[in-house]
């Protein structure tokens, strides 16, 4: 479930960046803001998603 939420965070982020760029509102300040959000999302993945992906067991007996 956490991986789906993480994927949703990235999809919403990409859509927001695309909308900002396509409407002509992508200023340097907006780019820095989106950079901070991306940085946070990467670390959210390392802290939240990666451990759950590593410890998942799919034993089929």
PDB file of N, CA and C in Angstrom:
ATOM      1  N   UNK A   1       0.831  -1.201   0.000  1.00  0.00           N
ATOM      2  CA  UNK A   1       0.000   0.000   0.000  1.00  0.00           C
ATOM      3  C   UNK A   1       0.867   1.252   0.000  1.00  0.00           C
ATOM      4  N   UNK A   2       1.957   1.193   0.766  1.00  0.00           N
ATOM      5  CA  UNK A   2       2.809   2.372   0.858  1.00  0.00           C
ATOM      6  C   UNK A   2       3.456   2.703  -0.491  1.00  0.00           C
ATOM      7  N   UNK A   3       3.763   1.672  -1.263  1.00  0.00           N
ATOM      8  CA  UNK A   3       4.371   1.932  -2.572  1.00  0.00           C
ATOM      9  C   UNK A   3       3.388   2.600  -3.515  1.00  0.00           C
ATOM     10  N   UNK A   4       2.108   2.263  -3.416  1.00  0.00           N
ATOM     11  CA  UNK A   4       1.087   2.921  -4.245  1.00  0.00           C
ATOM     12  C   UNK A   4       0.957   4.392  -3.858  1.00  0.00           C
ATOM     13  N   UNK A   5       1.007   4.665  -2.572  1.00  0.00           N
ATOM     14  CA  UNK A   5       0.953   6.051  -2.106  1.00  0.00           C
ATOM     15  C   UNK A   5       2.179   6.823  -2.580  1.00  0.00           C
ATOM     16  N   UNK A   6       3.333   6.171  -2.535  1.00  0.00           N
ATOM     17  CA  UNK A   6       4.574   6.807  -2.983  1.00  0.00           C
ATOM     18  C   UNK A   6       4.515   7.104  -4.482  1.00  0.00           C
ATOM     19  N   UNK A   7       4.015   6.166  -5.257  1.00  0.00           N
ATOM     20  CA  UNK A   7       3.847   6.389  -6.695  1.00  0.00           C
ATOM     21  C   UNK A   7       2.871   7.534  -6.945  1.00  0.00           C
ATOM     22  N   UNK A   8       1.808   7.605  -6.162  1.00  0.00           N
ATOM     23  CA  UNK A   8       0.837   8.681  -6.306  1.00  0.00           C
ATOM     24  C   UNK A   8       1.466  10.051  -6.011  1.00  0.00           C
ATOM     25  N   UNK A   9       2.355  10.116  -5.032  1.00  0.00           N
ATOM     26  CA  UNK A   9       3.057  11.367  -4.724  1.00  0.00           C
ATOM     27  C   UNK A   9       3.855  11.839  -5.937  1.00  0.00           C
ATOM     28  N   UNK A  10       4.569  10.914  -6.597  1.00  0.00           N
ATOM     29  CA  UNK A  10       5.362  11.280  -7.763  1.00  0.00           C
ATOM     30  C   UNK A  10       4.484  11.672  -8.947  1.00  0.00           C
ATOM     31  N   UNK A  11       3.381  10.956  -9.152  1.00  0.00           N
ATOM     32  CA  UNK A  11       2.480  11.291 -10.265  1.00  0.00           C
ATOM     33  C   UNK A  11       1.871  12.673 -10.070  1.00  0.00           C
ATOM     34  N   UNK A  12       1.420  12.962  -8.872  1.00  0.00           N
ATOM     35  CA  UNK A  12       0.854  14.286  -8.592  1.00  0.00           C
ATOM     36  C   UNK A  12       1.923  15.362  -8.764  1.00  0.00           C
ATOM     37  N   UNK A  13       3.146  15.075  -8.323  1.00  0.00           N
ATOM     38  CA  UNK A  13       4.234  16.038  -8.482  1.00  0.00           C
ATOM     39  C   UNK A  13       4.551  16.327  -9.940  1.00  0.00           C
ATOM     40  N   UNK A  14       4.604  15.282 -10.754  1.00  0.00           N
ATOM     41  CA  UNK A  14       4.899  15.464 -12.183  1.00  0.00           C
ATOM     42  C   UNK A  14       3.765  16.229 -12.862  1.00  0.00           C
ATOM     43  N   UNK A  15       2.540  15.930 -12.514  1.00  0.00           N
ATOM     44  CA  UNK A  15       1.400  16.654 -13.089  1.00  0.00           C
ATOM     45  C   UNK A  15       1.444  18.127 -12.684  1.00  0.00           C
ATOM     46  N   UNK A  16       1.804  18.401 -11.438  1.00  0.00           N
ATOM     47  CA  UNK A  16       1.903  19.787 -10.982  1.00  0.00           C
ATOM     48  C   UNK A  16       3.005  20.546 -11.711  1.00  0.00           C
ATOM     49  N   UNK A  17       4.153  19.898 -11.905  1.00  0.00           N
ATOM     50  CA  UNK A  17       5.253  20.532 -12.635  1.00  0.00           C
ATOM     51  C   UNK A  17       4.841  20.788 -14.084  1.00  0.00           C
ATOM     52  N   UNK A  18       4.211  19.792 -14.706  1.00  0.00           N
ATOM     53  CA  UNK A  18       3.782  19.947 -16.098  1.00  0.00           C
ATOM     54  C   UNK A  18       2.762  21.075 -16.237  1.00  0.00           C
ATOM     55  N   UNK A  19       1.816  21.138 -15.328  1.00  0.00           N
ATOM     56  CA  UNK A  19       0.804  22.197 -15.388  1.00  0.00           C
ATOM     57  C   UNK A  19       1.435  23.567 -15.176  1.00  0.00           C
ATOM     58  N   UNK A  20       2.366  23.653 -14.250  1.00  0.00           N
ATOM     59  CA  UNK A  20       3.042  24.926 -13.993  1.00  0.00           C
ATOM     60  C   UNK A  20       3.855  25.352 -15.204  1.00  0.00           C
ATOM     61  N   UNK A  21       4.544  24.417 -15.827  1.00  0.00           N
ATOM     62  CA  UNK A  21       5.358  24.724 -16.997  1.00  0.00           C
ATOM     63  C   UNK A  21       4.488  25.110 -18.191  1.00  0.00           C
ATOM     64  N   UNK A  22       3.445  24.346 -18.437  1.00  0.00           N
ATOM     65  CA  UNK A  22       2.602  24.584 -19.607  1.00  0.00           C
ATOM     66  C   UNK A  22       1.791  25.874 -19.502  1.00  0.00           C
ATOM     67  N   UNK A  23       1.502  26.325 -18.290  1.00  0.00           N
ATOM     68  CA  UNK A  23       0.787  27.590 -18.130  1.00  0.00           C
ATOM     69  C   UNK A  23       1.730  28.788 -18.114  1.00  0.00           C
ATOM     70  N   UNK A  24       3.019  28.530 -18.194  1.00  0.00           N
ATOM     71  CA  UNK A  24       3.986  29.620 -18.239  1.00  0.00           C
ATOM     72  C   UNK A  24       4.341  30.207 -16.888  1.00  0.00           C
ATOM     73  N   UNK A  25       4.044  29.485 -15.839  1.00  0.00           N
ATOM     74  CA  UNK A  25       4.311  29.986 -14.485  1.00  0.00           C
ATOM     75  C   UNK A  25       5.544  29.370 -13.840  1.00  0.00           C
ATOM     76  N   UNK A  26       6.373  28.697 -14.627  1.00  0.00           N
ATOM     77  CA  UNK A  26       7.555  28.050 -14.056  1.00  0.00           C
ATOM     78  C   UNK A  26       8.678  29.078 -13.908  1.00  0.00           C
ATOM     79  N   UNK A  27       8.670  29.756 -12.787  1.00  0.00           N
ATOM     80  CA  UNK A  27       9.706  30.729 -12.464  1.00  0.00           C
ATOM     81  C   UNK A  27      10.858  30.003 -11.770  1.00  0.00           C
ATOM     82  N   UNK A  28      11.993  30.627 -11.630  1.00  0.00           N
ATOM     83  CA  UNK A  28      13.079  29.979 -10.880  1.00  0.00           C
ATOM     84  C   UNK A  28      12.681  29.622  -9.443  1.00  0.00           C
ATOM     85  N   UNK A  29      11.871  30.469  -8.835  1.00  0.00           N
ATOM     86  CA  UNK A  29      11.423  30.171  -7.474  1.00  0.00           C
ATOM     87  C   UNK A  29      10.532  28.934  -7.440  1.00  0.00           C
ATOM     88  N   UNK A  30       9.666  28.797  -8.445  1.00  0.00           N
ATOM     89  CA  UNK A  30       8.801  27.615  -8.518  1.00  0.00           C
ATOM     90  C   UNK A  30       9.639  26.365  -8.763  1.00  0.00           C
ATOM     91  N   UNK A  31      10.685  26.486  -9.584  1.00  0.00           N
ATOM     92  CA  UNK A  31      11.558  25.341  -9.845  1.00  0.00           C
ATOM     93  C   UNK A  31      12.276  24.910  -8.567  1.00  0.00           C
ATOM     94  N   UNK A  32      12.720  25.860  -7.767  1.00  0.00           N
ATOM     95  CA  UNK A  32      13.359  25.536  -6.487  1.00  0.00           C
ATOM     96  C   UNK A  32      12.363  24.861  -5.553  1.00  0.00           C
ATOM     97  N   UNK A  33      11.148  25.355  -5.525  1.00  0.00           N
ATOM     98  CA  UNK A  33      10.094  24.753  -4.698  1.00  0.00           C
ATOM     99  C   UNK A  33       9.852  23.306  -5.099  1.00  0.00           C
ATOM    100  N   UNK A  34       9.716  23.068  -6.396  1.00  0.00           N
ATOM    101  CA  UNK A  34       9.513  21.700  -6.869  1.00  0.00           C
ATOM    102  C   UNK A  34      10.746  20.833  -6.601  1.00  0.00           C
ATOM    103  N   UNK A  35      11.903  21.422  -6.631  1.00  0.00           N
ATOM    104  CA  UNK A  35      13.118  20.685  -6.298  1.00  0.00           C
ATOM    105  C   UNK A  35      13.122  20.228  -4.855  1.00  0.00           C
ATOM    106  N   UNK A  36      12.696  21.114  -3.952  1.00  0.00           N
ATOM    107  CA  UNK A  36      12.598  20.737  -2.543  1.00  0.00           C
ATOM    108  C   UNK A  36      11.579  19.609  -2.352  1.00  0.00           C
ATOM    109  N   UNK A  37      10.460  19.689  -3.053  1.00  0.00           N
ATOM    110  CA  UNK A  37       9.456  18.635  -2.949  1.00  0.00           C
ATOM    111  C   UNK A  37      10.007  17.305  -3.477  1.00  0.00           C
ATOM    112  N   UNK A  38      10.747  17.363  -4.575  1.00  0.00           N
ATOM    113  CA  UNK A  38      11.339  16.142  -5.131  1.00  0.00           C
ATOM    114  C   UNK A  38      12.364  15.554  -4.167  1.00  0.00           C
ATOM    115  N   UNK A  39      13.178  16.406  -3.578  1.00  0.00           N
ATOM    116  CA  UNK A  39      14.165  15.971  -2.591  1.00  0.00           C
ATOM    117  C   UNK A  39      13.471  15.263  -1.433  1.00  0.00           C
ATOM    118  N   UNK A  40      12.390  15.851  -0.953  1.00  0.00           N
ATOM    119  CA  UNK A  40      11.621  15.237   0.132  1.00  0.00           C
ATOM    120  C   UNK A  40      11.008  13.910  -0.275  1.00  0.00           C
ATOM    121  N   UNK A  41      10.531  13.825  -1.523  1.00  0.00           N
ATOM    122  CA  UNK A  41       9.923  12.581  -1.995  1.00  0.00           C
ATOM    123  C   UNK A  41      10.964  11.476  -2.123  1.00  0.00           C
ATOM    124  N   UNK A  42      12.160  11.820  -2.540  1.00  0.00           N
ATOM    125  CA  UNK A  42      13.222  10.810  -2.641  1.00  0.00           C
ATOM    126  C   UNK A  42      13.538  10.252  -1.255  1.00  0.00           C
ATOM    127  N   UNK A  43      13.658  11.107  -0.266  1.00  0.00           N
ATOM    128  CA  UNK A  43      13.962  10.623   1.074  1.00  0.00           C
ATOM    129  C   UNK A  43      12.774   9.922   1.703  1.00  0.00           C
ATOM    130  N   UNK A  44      11.556  10.321   1.339  1.00  0.00           N
ATOM    131  CA  UNK A  44      10.386   9.584   1.784  1.00  0.00           C
ATOM    132  C   UNK A  44      10.456   8.153   1.259  1.00  0.00           C
ATOM    133  N   UNK A  45      10.910   8.004   0.042  1.00  0.00           N
ATOM    134  CA  UNK A  45      11.055   6.670  -0.525  1.00  0.00           C
ATOM    135  C   UNK A  45      12.115   5.863   0.183  1.00  0.00           C
ATOM    136  N   UNK A  46      13.223   6.505   0.513  1.00  0.00           N
ATOM    137  CA  UNK A  46      14.305   5.783   1.189  1.00  0.00           C
ATOM    138  C   UNK A  46      13.905   5.373   2.601  1.00  0.00           C
ATOM    139  N   UNK A  47      13.184   6.217   3.280  1.00  0.00           N
ATOM    140  CA  UNK A  47      12.846   5.952   4.671  1.00  0.00           C
ATOM    141  C   UNK A  47      11.593   5.086   4.800  1.00  0.00           C
ATOM    142  N   UNK A  48      10.608   5.337   3.920  1.00  0.00           N
ATOM    143  CA  UNK A  48       9.332   4.643   4.060  1.00  0.00           C
ATOM    144  C   UNK A  48       9.150   3.454   3.158  1.00  0.00           C
ATOM    145  N   UNK A  49       9.490   3.590   1.900  1.00  0.00           N
ATOM    146  CA  UNK A  49       9.160   2.554   0.929  1.00  0.00           C
ATOM    147  C   UNK A  49      10.251   1.503   0.824  1.00  0.00           C
ATOM    148  N   UNK A  50      11.493   1.908   0.770  1.00  0.00           N
ATOM    149  CA  UNK A  50      12.585   0.957   0.567  1.00  0.00           C
ATOM    150  C   UNK A  50      12.626  -0.137   1.630  1.00  0.00           C
ATOM    151  N   UNK A  51      12.551   0.200   2.924  1.00  0.00           N
ATOM    152  CA  UNK A  51      12.574  -0.884   3.921  1.00  0.00           C
ATOM    153  C   UNK A  51      11.420  -1.867   3.752  1.00  0.00           C
ATOM    154  N   UNK A  52      10.240  -1.373   3.390  1.00  0.00           N
ATOM    155  CA  UNK A  52       9.113  -2.293   3.219  1.00  0.00           C
ATOM    156  C   UNK A  52       9.303  -3.166   1.987  1.00  0.00           C
ATOM    157  N   UNK A  53       9.971  -2.663   0.959  1.00  0.00           N
ATOM    158  CA  UNK A  53      10.229  -3.462  -0.230  1.00  0.00           C
ATOM    159  C   UNK A  53      11.296  -4.531   0.055  1.00  0.00           C
ATOM    160  N   UNK A  54      12.260  -4.209   0.877  1.00  0.00           N
ATOM    161  CA  UNK A  54      13.351  -5.148   1.167  1.00  0.00           C
ATOM    162  C   UNK A  54      12.866  -6.274   2.061  1.00  0.00           C
ATOM    163  N   UNK A  55      11.960  -5.989   2.992  1.00  0.00           N
ATOM    164  CA  UNK A  55      11.545  -6.993   3.956  1.00  0.00           C
ATOM    165  C   UNK A  55      10.336  -7.800   3.506  1.00  0.00           C
ATOM    166  N   UNK A  56       9.764  -7.504   2.376  1.00  0.00           N
ATOM    167  CA  UNK A  56       8.629  -8.282   1.894  1.00  0.00           C
ATOM    168  C   UNK A  56       9.076  -9.692   1.563  1.00  0.00           C
ATOM    169  N   UNK A  57       8.271 -10.632   1.972  1.00  0.00           N
ATOM    170  CA  UNK A  57       8.574 -12.027   1.645  1.00  0.00           C
ATOM    171  C   UNK A  57       7.414 -12.592   0.849  1.00  0.00           C
ATOM    172  N   UNK A  58       7.718 -13.244  -0.213  1.00  0.00           N
ATOM    173  CA  UNK A  58       6.716 -13.863  -1.066  1.00  0.00           C
ATOM    174  C   UNK A  58       7.020 -15.354  -1.175  1.00  0.00           C
ATOM    175  N   UNK A  59       6.827 -16.064  -0.072  1.00  0.00           N
ATOM    176  CA  UNK A  59       7.098 -17.487  -0.053  1.00  0.00           C
ATOM    177  C   UNK A  59       5.881 -18.227  -0.598  1.00  0.00           C
ATOM    178  N   UNK A  60       6.122 -19.031  -1.607  1.00  0.00           N
ATOM    179  CA  UNK A  60       5.054 -19.849  -2.174  1.00  0.00           C
ATOM    180  C   UNK A  60       5.403 -21.311  -1.921  1.00  0.00           C
ATOM    181  N   UNK A  61       4.719 -21.909  -0.955  1.00  0.00           N
ATOM    182  CA  UNK A  61       4.991 -23.310  -0.599  1.00  0.00           C
ATOM    183  C   UNK A  61       3.823 -24.152  -1.020  1.00  0.00           C
TER     184      UNK A  61
END
